[in-house]
């Protein structure tokens, strides 16, 4: 697990850097960011998911961070400013307001 004392901007920059390292613009491929709440390890996990038309979904892990929800919201805001992908949330009991 990554250090929890990282700033919002460095965490967001790291996630964006990893997204672009794995992003390859192809026709008929759907890309999205997946954020998973992992209550067993008390962390949020970030993934890049993609699916070609007619093929199975694939994903690659991008980052793990502690379960500070306010920190997560700020990181999501910064990532959204730089990346135009849909974000999907899994394992959250209530809506995240970003």
C-alpha atoms as a PDB file:
ATOM      1  CA  UNK A   1       0.000   0.000   0.000  1.00  0.00           C
ATOM      2  CA  UNK A   2       1.224   3.518  -0.806  1.00  0.00           C
ATOM      3  CA  UNK A   3       2.147   6.068   1.843  1.00  0.00           C
ATOM      4  CA  UNK A   4      -0.915   7.753   3.347  1.00  0.00           C
ATOM      5  CA  UNK A   5       0.805  11.097   3.896  1.00  0.00           C
ATOM      6  CA  UNK A   6       1.045  11.983   0.217  1.00  0.00           C
ATOM      7  CA  UNK A   7      -0.594  15.202  -0.853  1.00  0.00           C
ATOM      8  CA  UNK A   8      -3.711  15.264  -2.984  1.00  0.00           C
ATOM      9  CA  UNK A   9      -1.896  16.732  -5.981  1.00  0.00           C
ATOM     10  CA  UNK A  10       0.945  14.190  -5.965  1.00  0.00           C
ATOM     11  CA  UNK A  11      -1.500  11.301  -5.577  1.00  0.00           C
ATOM     12  CA  UNK A  12      -3.680  12.591  -8.423  1.00  0.00           C
ATOM     13  CA  UNK A  13      -0.612  13.172 -10.620  1.00  0.00           C
ATOM     14  CA  UNK A  14       0.601   9.624  -9.987  1.00  0.00           C
ATOM     15  CA  UNK A  15      -2.797   8.143 -10.883  1.00  0.00           C
ATOM     16  CA  UNK A  16      -3.059  10.252 -14.054  1.00  0.00           C
ATOM     17  CA  UNK A  17       0.478   9.268 -15.066  1.00  0.00           C
ATOM     18  CA  UNK A  18      -0.387   5.581 -14.662  1.00  0.00           C
ATOM     19  CA  UNK A  19      -3.659   6.006 -16.586  1.00  0.00           C
ATOM     20  CA  UNK A  20      -1.879   7.507 -19.574  1.00  0.00           C
ATOM     21  CA  UNK A  21       0.843   4.848 -19.414  1.00  0.00           C
ATOM     22  CA  UNK A  22      -1.815   2.148 -19.939  1.00  0.00           C
ATOM     23  CA  UNK A  23      -4.207   4.066 -22.195  1.00  0.00           C
ATOM     24  CA  UNK A  24      -3.980   3.194 -25.894  1.00  0.00           C
ATOM     25  CA  UNK A  25      -6.577   4.901 -28.043  1.00  0.00           C
ATOM     26  CA  UNK A  26      -8.269   2.193 -30.109  1.00  0.00           C
ATOM     27  CA  UNK A  27     -11.521   2.185 -32.030  1.00  0.00           C
ATOM     28  CA  UNK A  28     -14.435   0.320 -30.381  1.00  0.00           C
ATOM     29  CA  UNK A  29     -12.729   0.128 -26.975  1.00  0.00           C
ATOM     30  CA  UNK A  30     -14.445   1.527 -23.885  1.00  0.00           C
ATOM     31  CA  UNK A  31     -12.130   2.847 -21.152  1.00  0.00           C
ATOM     32  CA  UNK A  32     -13.162   3.804 -17.632  1.00  0.00           C
ATOM     33  CA  UNK A  33     -11.707   4.321 -14.184  1.00  0.00           C
ATOM     34  CA  UNK A  34     -12.878   1.974 -11.442  1.00  0.00           C
ATOM     35  CA  UNK A  35     -12.620   2.911  -7.753  1.00  0.00           C
ATOM     36  CA  UNK A  36     -13.257   0.043  -5.345  1.00  0.00           C
ATOM     37  CA  UNK A  37     -13.869   0.383  -1.621  1.00  0.00           C
ATOM     38  CA  UNK A  38     -11.965  -2.437   0.117  1.00  0.00           C
ATOM     39  CA  UNK A  39     -13.293  -2.523   3.704  1.00  0.00           C
ATOM     40  CA  UNK A  40     -11.177  -5.550   4.632  1.00  0.00           C
ATOM     41  CA  UNK A  41      -7.908  -3.720   3.985  1.00  0.00           C
ATOM     42  CA  UNK A  42      -9.325  -0.261   4.828  1.00  0.00           C
ATOM     43  CA  UNK A  43      -8.332   1.246   1.492  1.00  0.00           C
ATOM     44  CA  UNK A  44      -9.597   2.473  -1.869  1.00  0.00           C
ATOM     45  CA  UNK A  45      -8.187   0.759  -4.960  1.00  0.00           C
ATOM     46  CA  UNK A  46      -8.008   2.448  -8.374  1.00  0.00           C
ATOM     47  CA  UNK A  47      -8.103   0.485 -11.645  1.00  0.00           C
ATOM     48  CA  UNK A  48      -8.158   1.278 -15.340  1.00  0.00           C
ATOM     49  CA  UNK A  49     -10.742  -0.930 -17.066  1.00  0.00           C
ATOM     50  CA  UNK A  50     -11.208  -1.393 -20.781  1.00  0.00           C
ATOM     51  CA  UNK A  51     -13.366  -3.556 -22.993  1.00  0.00           C
ATOM     52  CA  UNK A  52     -13.267  -4.110 -26.725  1.00  0.00           C
ATOM     53  CA  UNK A  53     -16.588  -4.596 -28.414  1.00  0.00           C
ATOM     54  CA  UNK A  54     -17.487  -8.295 -28.089  1.00  0.00           C
ATOM     55  CA  UNK A  55     -14.575  -9.124 -25.738  1.00  0.00           C
ATOM     56  CA  UNK A  56     -14.220  -9.529 -21.993  1.00  0.00           C
ATOM     57  CA  UNK A  57     -13.378  -6.653 -19.653  1.00  0.00           C
ATOM     58  CA  UNK A  58      -9.739  -6.216 -18.662  1.00  0.00           C
ATOM     59  CA  UNK A  59      -8.243  -4.082 -15.920  1.00  0.00           C
ATOM     60  CA  UNK A  60      -4.932  -2.979 -14.504  1.00  0.00           C
ATOM     61  CA  UNK A  61      -4.387  -1.682 -10.936  1.00  0.00           C
ATOM     62  CA  UNK A  62      -3.352   1.965 -10.737  1.00  0.00           C
ATOM     63  CA  UNK A  63      -3.111   2.888  -7.067  1.00  0.00           C
ATOM     64  CA  UNK A  64      -4.204   2.097  -3.501  1.00  0.00           C
ATOM     65  CA  UNK A  65      -4.854   4.733  -0.865  1.00  0.00           C
ATOM     66  CA  UNK A  66      -6.057   4.830   2.723  1.00  0.00           C
ATOM     67  CA  UNK A  67      -9.764   5.060   3.418  1.00  0.00           C
ATOM     68  CA  UNK A  68      -9.945   8.811   4.077  1.00  0.00           C
ATOM     69  CA  UNK A  69     -13.083   9.760   2.148  1.00  0.00           C
ATOM     70  CA  UNK A  70     -12.379  13.520   2.032  1.00  0.00           C
ATOM     71  CA  UNK A  71      -8.914  12.816   0.605  1.00  0.00           C
ATOM     72  CA  UNK A  72     -10.501  10.484  -1.965  1.00  0.00           C
ATOM     73  CA  UNK A  73     -13.004  13.146  -3.051  1.00  0.00           C
ATOM     74  CA  UNK A  74     -10.236  15.704  -3.594  1.00  0.00           C
ATOM     75  CA  UNK A  75      -8.140  13.226  -5.592  1.00  0.00           C
ATOM     76  CA  UNK A  76     -11.174  12.339  -7.749  1.00  0.00           C
ATOM     77  CA  UNK A  77     -11.757  16.041  -8.485  1.00  0.00           C
ATOM     78  CA  UNK A  78      -8.181  16.521  -9.635  1.00  0.00           C
ATOM     79  CA  UNK A  79      -8.134  13.342 -11.727  1.00  0.00           C
ATOM     80  CA  UNK A  80     -11.429  14.356 -13.397  1.00  0.00           C
ATOM     81  CA  UNK A  81      -9.926  17.703 -14.430  1.00  0.00           C
ATOM     82  CA  UNK A  82      -7.156  15.926 -16.328  1.00  0.00           C
ATOM     83  CA  UNK A  83      -8.849  12.760 -17.598  1.00  0.00           C
ATOM     84  CA  UNK A  84     -12.146  12.634 -19.480  1.00  0.00           C
ATOM     85  CA  UNK A  85     -13.057   9.043 -18.618  1.00  0.00           C
ATOM     86  CA  UNK A  86     -16.113   7.765 -16.794  1.00  0.00           C
ATOM     87  CA  UNK A  87     -15.571   6.798 -13.175  1.00  0.00           C
ATOM     88  CA  UNK A  88     -17.337   3.750 -11.728  1.00  0.00           C
ATOM     89  CA  UNK A  89     -17.591   3.170  -7.966  1.00  0.00           C
ATOM     90  CA  UNK A  90     -17.891  -0.295  -6.400  1.00  0.00           C
ATOM     91  CA  UNK A  91     -18.411  -1.275  -2.788  1.00  0.00           C
ATOM     92  CA  UNK A  92     -19.615   2.116  -1.560  1.00  0.00           C
ATOM     93  CA  UNK A  93     -22.744   2.187   0.615  1.00  0.00           C
ATOM     94  CA  UNK A  94     -23.621   5.792  -0.130  1.00  0.00           C
ATOM     95  CA  UNK A  95     -23.034   8.220  -2.963  1.00  0.00           C
ATOM     96  CA  UNK A  96     -19.692  10.003  -3.129  1.00  0.00           C
ATOM     97  CA  UNK A  97     -20.312  13.707  -3.728  1.00  0.00           C
ATOM     98  CA  UNK A  98     -17.529  15.090  -5.915  1.00  0.00           C
END
